[in-house]
């Protein structure tokens, strides 16, 4: 598993993001594509009411980055 503190790729993002921020983090994908990833359980999330909250940890796991990534 990836420790978000050890991956500098998304260091400027909060630990939990919304769908719009997820789209930006994944290179500008569309909102429908982001919702598809969430509904297909490819990225884990928490839904409160109508709002999706995505922990940065699960985005890093989806990307399957090595734990000691030097990506900047």
PDB file of N, CA and C in Angstrom:
ATOM      1  N   UNK A   1       0.826  -1.180   0.000  1.00  0.00           N
ATOM      2  CA  UNK A   1       0.000   0.000   0.000  1.00  0.00           C
ATOM      3  C   UNK A   1       0.875   1.250   0.000  1.00  0.00           C
ATOM      4  N   UNK A   2       0.330   2.303  -0.541  1.00  0.00           N
ATOM      5  CA  UNK A   2       1.067   3.545  -0.692  1.00  0.00           C
ATOM      6  C   UNK A   2       0.776   4.478   0.480  1.00  0.00           C
ATOM      7  N   UNK A   3       1.816   5.070   1.008  1.00  0.00           N
ATOM      8  CA  UNK A   3       1.675   6.067   2.057  1.00  0.00           C
ATOM      9  C   UNK A   3       1.697   7.442   1.388  1.00  0.00           C
ATOM     10  N   UNK A   4       0.603   8.206   1.449  1.00  0.00           N
ATOM     11  CA  UNK A   4       0.548   9.503   0.773  1.00  0.00           C
ATOM     12  C   UNK A   4       1.660  10.465   1.194  1.00  0.00           C
ATOM     13  N   UNK A   5       2.172  10.352   2.418  1.00  0.00           N
ATOM     14  CA  UNK A   5       3.247  11.233   2.851  1.00  0.00           C
ATOM     15  C   UNK A   5       4.552  10.954   2.097  1.00  0.00           C
ATOM     16  N   UNK A   6       4.688   9.759   1.555  1.00  0.00           N
ATOM     17  CA  UNK A   6       5.916   9.387   0.854  1.00  0.00           C
ATOM     18  C   UNK A   6       5.829   9.604  -0.649  1.00  0.00           C
ATOM     19  N   UNK A   7       4.733  10.097  -1.143  1.00  0.00           N
ATOM     20  CA  UNK A   7       4.563  10.309  -2.585  1.00  0.00           C
ATOM     21  C   UNK A   7       4.362  11.796  -2.852  1.00  0.00           C
ATOM     22  N   UNK A   8       5.360  12.456  -3.427  1.00  0.00           N
ATOM     23  CA  UNK A   8       5.269  13.903  -3.638  1.00  0.00           C
ATOM     24  C   UNK A   8       4.359  14.315  -4.790  1.00  0.00           C
ATOM     25  N   UNK A   9       3.854  13.372  -5.550  1.00  0.00           N
ATOM     26  CA  UNK A   9       3.080  13.697  -6.738  1.00  0.00           C
ATOM     27  C   UNK A   9       1.906  14.624  -6.449  1.00  0.00           C
ATOM     28  N   UNK A  10       1.136  14.354  -5.419  1.00  0.00           N
ATOM     29  CA  UNK A  10      -0.045  15.151  -5.113  1.00  0.00           C
ATOM     30  C   UNK A  10       0.083  15.861  -3.765  1.00  0.00           C
ATOM     31  N   UNK A  11       1.299  16.256  -3.401  1.00  0.00           N
ATOM     32  CA  UNK A  11       1.529  16.846  -2.083  1.00  0.00           C
ATOM     33  C   UNK A  11       0.758  18.143  -1.859  1.00  0.00           C
ATOM     34  N   UNK A  12       0.412  18.856  -2.923  1.00  0.00           N
ATOM     35  CA  UNK A  12      -0.294  20.125  -2.784  1.00  0.00           C
ATOM     36  C   UNK A  12      -1.806  19.969  -2.706  1.00  0.00           C
ATOM     37  N   UNK A  13      -2.302  18.750  -2.790  1.00  0.00           N
ATOM     38  CA  UNK A  13      -3.735  18.490  -2.703  1.00  0.00           C
ATOM     39  C   UNK A  13      -4.099  18.053  -1.284  1.00  0.00           C
ATOM     40  N   UNK A  14      -5.341  18.325  -0.871  1.00  0.00           N
ATOM     41  CA  UNK A  14      -5.767  17.866   0.462  1.00  0.00           C
ATOM     42  C   UNK A  14      -5.865  16.340   0.511  1.00  0.00           C
ATOM     43  N   UNK A  15      -5.974  15.801   1.707  1.00  0.00           N
ATOM     44  CA  UNK A  15      -6.035  14.350   1.884  1.00  0.00           C
ATOM     45  C   UNK A  15      -7.317  13.746   1.338  1.00  0.00           C
ATOM     46  N   UNK A  16      -8.384  14.538   1.259  1.00  0.00           N
ATOM     47  CA  UNK A  16      -9.668  14.089   0.716  1.00  0.00           C
ATOM     48  C   UNK A  16     -10.118  15.127  -0.302  1.00  0.00           C
ATOM     49  N   UNK A  17     -10.483  14.657  -1.502  1.00  0.00           N
ATOM     50  CA  UNK A  17     -10.853  15.582  -2.579  1.00  0.00           C
ATOM     51  C   UNK A  17     -12.261  15.282  -3.090  1.00  0.00           C
ATOM     52  N   UNK A  18     -12.812  16.237  -3.839  1.00  0.00           N
ATOM     53  CA  UNK A  18     -14.109  16.039  -4.482  1.00  0.00           C
ATOM     54  C   UNK A  18     -13.882  15.569  -5.919  1.00  0.00           C
ATOM     55  N   UNK A  19     -14.965  15.357  -6.635  1.00  0.00           N
ATOM     56  CA  UNK A  19     -14.869  14.816  -8.001  1.00  0.00           C
ATOM     57  C   UNK A  19     -14.163  15.784  -8.935  1.00  0.00           C
ATOM     58  N   UNK A  20     -14.441  17.067  -8.800  1.00  0.00           N
ATOM     59  CA  UNK A  20     -13.798  18.055  -9.669  1.00  0.00           C
ATOM     60  C   UNK A  20     -12.274  18.038  -9.492  1.00  0.00           C
ATOM     61  N   UNK A  21     -11.825  17.938  -8.262  1.00  0.00           N
ATOM     62  CA  UNK A  21     -10.385  17.871  -7.993  1.00  0.00           C
ATOM     63  C   UNK A  21      -9.807  16.549  -8.484  1.00  0.00           C
ATOM     64  N   UNK A  22     -10.558  15.475  -8.322  1.00  0.00           N
ATOM     65  CA  UNK A  22     -10.123  14.171  -8.850  1.00  0.00           C
ATOM     66  C   UNK A  22      -9.875  14.266 -10.351  1.00  0.00           C
ATOM     67  N   UNK A  23     -10.774  14.914 -11.067  1.00  0.00           N
ATOM     68  CA  UNK A  23     -10.607  15.080 -12.518  1.00  0.00           C
ATOM     69  C   UNK A  23      -9.293  15.787 -12.831  1.00  0.00           C
ATOM     70  N   UNK A  24      -9.006  16.833 -12.097  1.00  0.00           N
ATOM     71  CA  UNK A  24      -7.767  17.583 -12.307  1.00  0.00           C
ATOM     72  C   UNK A  24      -6.546  16.727 -11.983  1.00  0.00           C
ATOM     73  N   UNK A  25      -6.615  15.976 -10.902  1.00  0.00           N
ATOM     74  CA  UNK A  25      -5.491  15.130 -10.491  1.00  0.00           C
ATOM     75  C   UNK A  25      -5.191  14.039 -11.515  1.00  0.00           C
ATOM     76  N   UNK A  26      -6.214  13.602 -12.223  1.00  0.00           N
ATOM     77  CA  UNK A  26      -6.032  12.527 -13.208  1.00  0.00           C
ATOM     78  C   UNK A  26      -5.844  13.082 -14.616  1.00  0.00           C
ATOM     79  N   UNK A  27      -5.340  14.278 -14.705  1.00  0.00           N
ATOM     80  CA  UNK A  27      -4.958  14.821 -16.008  1.00  0.00           C
ATOM     81  C   UNK A  27      -6.071  15.491 -16.774  1.00  0.00           C
ATOM     82  N   UNK A  28      -7.112  15.905 -16.096  1.00  0.00           N
ATOM     83  CA  UNK A  28      -8.195  16.611 -16.777  1.00  0.00           C
ATOM     84  C   UNK A  28      -9.245  15.706 -17.385  1.00  0.00           C
ATOM     85  N   UNK A  29      -9.461  14.523 -16.789  1.00  0.00           N
ATOM     86  CA  UNK A  29     -10.521  13.657 -17.306  1.00  0.00           C
ATOM     87  C   UNK A  29     -11.871  14.338 -17.084  1.00  0.00           C
ATOM     88  N   UNK A  30     -12.878  13.893 -17.794  1.00  0.00           N
ATOM     89  CA  UNK A  30     -14.207  14.489 -17.660  1.00  0.00           C
ATOM     90  C   UNK A  30     -14.890  13.988 -16.389  1.00  0.00           C
ATOM     91  N   UNK A  31     -15.884  14.745 -15.940  1.00  0.00           N
ATOM     92  CA  UNK A  31     -16.636  14.320 -14.753  1.00  0.00           C
ATOM     93  C   UNK A  31     -17.348  12.992 -14.991  1.00  0.00           C
ATOM     94  N   UNK A  32     -17.968  12.777 -16.174  1.00  0.00           N
ATOM     95  CA  UNK A  32     -18.590  11.468 -16.401  1.00  0.00           C
ATOM     96  C   UNK A  32     -17.588  10.309 -16.297  1.00  0.00           C
ATOM     97  N   UNK A  33     -16.375  10.515 -16.775  1.00  0.00           N
ATOM     98  CA  UNK A  33     -15.358   9.471 -16.667  1.00  0.00           C
ATOM     99  C   UNK A  33     -14.985   9.246 -15.207  1.00  0.00           C
ATOM    100  N   UNK A  34     -14.861  10.326 -14.436  1.00  0.00           N
ATOM    101  CA  UNK A  34     -14.543  10.201 -13.015  1.00  0.00           C
ATOM    102  C   UNK A  34     -15.648   9.438 -12.286  1.00  0.00           C
ATOM    103  N   UNK A  35     -16.909   9.801 -12.548  1.00  0.00           N
ATOM    104  CA  UNK A  35     -18.015   9.094 -11.898  1.00  0.00           C
ATOM    105  C   UNK A  35     -18.049   7.625 -12.307  1.00  0.00           C
ATOM    106  N   UNK A  36     -17.682   7.333 -13.550  1.00  0.00           N
ATOM    107  CA  UNK A  36     -17.632   5.942 -14.004  1.00  0.00           C
ATOM    108  C   UNK A  36     -16.584   5.162 -13.213  1.00  0.00           C
ATOM    109  N   UNK A  37     -15.406   5.763 -13.003  1.00  0.00           N
ATOM    110  CA  UNK A  37     -14.365   5.104 -12.209  1.00  0.00           C
ATOM    111  C   UNK A  37     -14.853   4.842 -10.786  1.00  0.00           C
ATOM    112  N   UNK A  38     -15.587   5.797 -10.227  1.00  0.00           N
ATOM    113  CA  UNK A  38     -16.092   5.635  -8.866  1.00  0.00           C
ATOM    114  C   UNK A  38     -17.171   4.553  -8.810  1.00  0.00           C
ATOM    115  N   UNK A  39     -18.130   4.617  -9.728  1.00  0.00           N
ATOM    116  CA  UNK A  39     -19.230   3.641  -9.717  1.00  0.00           C
ATOM    117  C   UNK A  39     -18.763   2.224 -10.019  1.00  0.00           C
ATOM    118  N   UNK A  40     -17.677   2.093 -10.774  1.00  0.00           N
ATOM    119  CA  UNK A  40     -17.117   0.764 -11.062  1.00  0.00           C
ATOM    120  C   UNK A  40     -16.168   0.313  -9.955  1.00  0.00           C
ATOM    121  N   UNK A  41     -16.097   1.078  -8.870  1.00  0.00           N
ATOM    122  CA  UNK A  41     -15.247   0.780  -7.710  1.00  0.00           C
ATOM    123  C   UNK A  41     -13.771   0.659  -8.060  1.00  0.00           C
ATOM    124  N   UNK A  42     -13.348   1.361  -9.092  1.00  0.00           N
ATOM    125  CA  UNK A  42     -11.929   1.376  -9.429  1.00  0.00           C
ATOM    126  C   UNK A  42     -11.172   2.323  -8.506  1.00  0.00           C
ATOM    127  N   UNK A  43     -11.884   3.332  -7.994  1.00  0.00           N
ATOM    128  CA  UNK A  43     -11.345   4.233  -6.984  1.00  0.00           C
ATOM    129  C   UNK A  43     -12.345   4.236  -5.836  1.00  0.00           C
ATOM    130  N   UNK A  44     -11.881   3.933  -4.640  1.00  0.00           N
ATOM    131  CA  UNK A  44     -12.781   3.888  -3.482  1.00  0.00           C
ATOM    132  C   UNK A  44     -13.110   5.311  -3.040  1.00  0.00           C
ATOM    133  N   UNK A  45     -14.295   5.465  -2.471  1.00  0.00           N
ATOM    134  CA  UNK A  45     -14.777   6.785  -2.077  1.00  0.00           C
ATOM    135  C   UNK A  45     -15.737   6.660  -0.902  1.00  0.00           C
ATOM    136  N   UNK A  46     -16.082   7.811  -0.354  1.00  0.00           N
ATOM    137  CA  UNK A  46     -17.121   7.908   0.671  1.00  0.00           C
ATOM    138  C   UNK A  46     -18.158   8.861   0.112  1.00  0.00           C
ATOM    139  N   UNK A  47     -19.413   8.478   0.208  1.00  0.00           N
ATOM    140  CA  UNK A  47     -20.486   9.331  -0.293  1.00  0.00           C
ATOM    141  C   UNK A  47     -21.318   9.786   0.898  1.00  0.00           C
ATOM    142  N   UNK A  48     -21.434  11.097   1.040  1.00  0.00           N
ATOM    143  CA  UNK A  48     -22.265  11.677   2.086  1.00  0.00           C
ATOM    144  C   UNK A  48     -23.318  12.517   1.382  1.00  0.00           C
ATOM    145  N   UNK A  49     -24.553  12.081   1.509  1.00  0.00           N
ATOM    146  CA  UNK A  49     -25.622  12.738   0.751  1.00  0.00           C
ATOM    147  C   UNK A  49     -25.394  12.483  -0.726  1.00  0.00           C
ATOM    148  N   UNK A  50     -25.272  13.562  -1.476  1.00  0.00           N
ATOM    149  CA  UNK A  50     -25.038  13.437  -2.912  1.00  0.00           C
ATOM    150  C   UNK A  50     -23.583  13.706  -3.291  1.00  0.00           C
ATOM    151  N   UNK A  51     -22.747  13.932  -2.303  1.00  0.00           N
ATOM    152  CA  UNK A  51     -21.367  14.348  -2.556  1.00  0.00           C
ATOM    153  C   UNK A  51     -20.407  13.174  -2.372  1.00  0.00           C
ATOM    154  N   UNK A  52     -19.518  13.015  -3.359  1.00  0.00           N
ATOM    155  CA  UNK A  52     -18.478  11.989  -3.306  1.00  0.00           C
ATOM    156  C   UNK A  52     -17.206  12.605  -2.727  1.00  0.00           C
ATOM    157  N   UNK A  53     -16.616  11.926  -1.765  1.00  0.00           N
ATOM    158  CA  UNK A  53     -15.337  12.332  -1.189  1.00  0.00           C
ATOM    159  C   UNK A  53     -14.343  11.211  -1.447  1.00  0.00           C
ATOM    160  N   UNK A  54     -13.205  11.562  -2.040  1.00  0.00           N
ATOM    161  CA  UNK A  54     -12.224  10.560  -2.441  1.00  0.00           C
ATOM    162  C   UNK A  54     -10.914  10.798  -1.681  1.00  0.00           C
ATOM    163  N   UNK A  55     -10.521   9.859  -0.823  1.00  0.00           N
ATOM    164  CA  UNK A  55      -9.232  10.003  -0.147  1.00  0.00           C
ATOM    165  C   UNK A  55      -8.077   9.924  -1.148  1.00  0.00           C
ATOM    166  N   UNK A  56      -7.110  10.810  -0.991  1.00  0.00           N
ATOM    167  CA  UNK A  56      -5.949  10.837  -1.877  1.00  0.00           C
ATOM    168  C   UNK A  56      -5.256   9.478  -1.906  1.00  0.00           C
ATOM    169  N   UNK A  57      -5.269   8.792  -0.777  1.00  0.00           N
ATOM    170  CA  UNK A  57      -4.679   7.460  -0.670  1.00  0.00           C
ATOM    171  C   UNK A  57      -5.232   6.516  -1.738  1.00  0.00           C
ATOM    172  N   UNK A  58      -6.537   6.557  -1.965  1.00  0.00           N
ATOM    173  CA  UNK A  58      -7.162   5.658  -2.936  1.00  0.00           C
ATOM    174  C   UNK A  58      -6.855   6.071  -4.377  1.00  0.00           C
ATOM    175  N   UNK A  59      -6.633   7.345  -4.603  1.00  0.00           N
ATOM    176  CA  UNK A  59      -6.225   7.792  -5.943  1.00  0.00           C
ATOM    177  C   UNK A  59      -4.826   7.271  -6.246  1.00  0.00           C
ATOM    178  N   UNK A  60      -3.932   7.364  -5.268  1.00  0.00           N
ATOM    179  CA  UNK A  60      -2.578   6.845  -5.459  1.00  0.00           C
ATOM    180  C   UNK A  60      -2.594   5.343  -5.691  1.00  0.00           C
ATOM    181  N   UNK A  61      -3.443   4.628  -4.965  1.00  0.00           N
ATOM    182  CA  UNK A  61      -3.552   3.176  -5.178  1.00  0.00           C
ATOM    183  C   UNK A  61      -4.101   2.863  -6.557  1.00  0.00           C
ATOM    184  N   UNK A  62      -5.059   3.646  -7.023  1.00  0.00           N
ATOM    185  CA  UNK A  62      -5.607   3.447  -8.367  1.00  0.00           C
ATOM    186  C   UNK A  62      -4.506   3.620  -9.412  1.00  0.00           C
ATOM    187  N   UNK A  63      -3.659   4.613  -9.218  1.00  0.00           N
ATOM    188  CA  UNK A  63      -2.574   4.858 -10.166  1.00  0.00           C
ATOM    189  C   UNK A  63      -1.472   3.819 -10.059  1.00  0.00           C
ATOM    190  N   UNK A  64      -1.477   3.047  -8.950  1.00  0.00           N
ATOM    191  CA  UNK A  64      -0.515   1.965  -8.738  1.00  0.00           C
ATOM    192  C   UNK A  64       0.923   2.461  -8.835  1.00  0.00           C
ATOM    193  N   UNK A  65       1.179   3.577  -8.150  1.00  0.00           N
ATOM    194  CA  UNK A  65       2.522   4.150  -8.142  1.00  0.00           C
ATOM    195  C   UNK A  65       3.396   3.413  -7.137  1.00  0.00           C
ATOM    196  N   UNK A  66       4.692   3.298  -7.426  1.00  0.00           N
ATOM    197  CA  UNK A  66       5.587   2.706  -6.433  1.00  0.00           C
ATOM    198  C   UNK A  66       5.619   3.571  -5.177  1.00  0.00           C
ATOM    199  N   UNK A  67       5.800   2.957  -4.032  1.00  0.00           N
ATOM    200  CA  UNK A  67       5.734   3.682  -2.757  1.00  0.00           C
ATOM    201  C   UNK A  67       6.762   4.800  -2.663  1.00  0.00           C
ATOM    202  N   UNK A  68       7.941   4.593  -3.148  1.00  0.00           N
ATOM    203  CA  UNK A  68       8.994   5.618  -3.046  1.00  0.00           C
ATOM    204  C   UNK A  68       9.104   6.395  -4.352  1.00  0.00           C
ATOM    205  N   UNK A  69       7.991   6.779  -4.931  1.00  0.00           N
ATOM    206  CA  UNK A  69       7.974   7.484  -6.215  1.00  0.00           C
ATOM    207  C   UNK A  69       8.716   8.809  -6.121  1.00  0.00           C
ATOM    208  N   UNK A  70       9.512   9.100  -7.137  1.00  0.00           N
ATOM    209  CA  UNK A  70      10.220  10.373  -7.208  1.00  0.00           C
ATOM    210  C   UNK A  70       9.578  11.305  -8.222  1.00  0.00           C
ATOM    211  N   UNK A  71       8.353  11.027  -8.618  1.00  0.00           N
ATOM    212  CA  UNK A  71       7.645  11.839  -9.590  1.00  0.00           C
ATOM    213  C   UNK A  71       7.357  13.195  -8.963  1.00  0.00           C
ATOM    214  N   UNK A  72       7.602  14.272  -9.703  1.00  0.00           N
ATOM    215  CA  UNK A  72       7.330  15.610  -9.174  1.00  0.00           C
ATOM    216  C   UNK A  72       6.458  16.394 -10.088  1.00  0.00           C
TER     217      UNK A  72
END
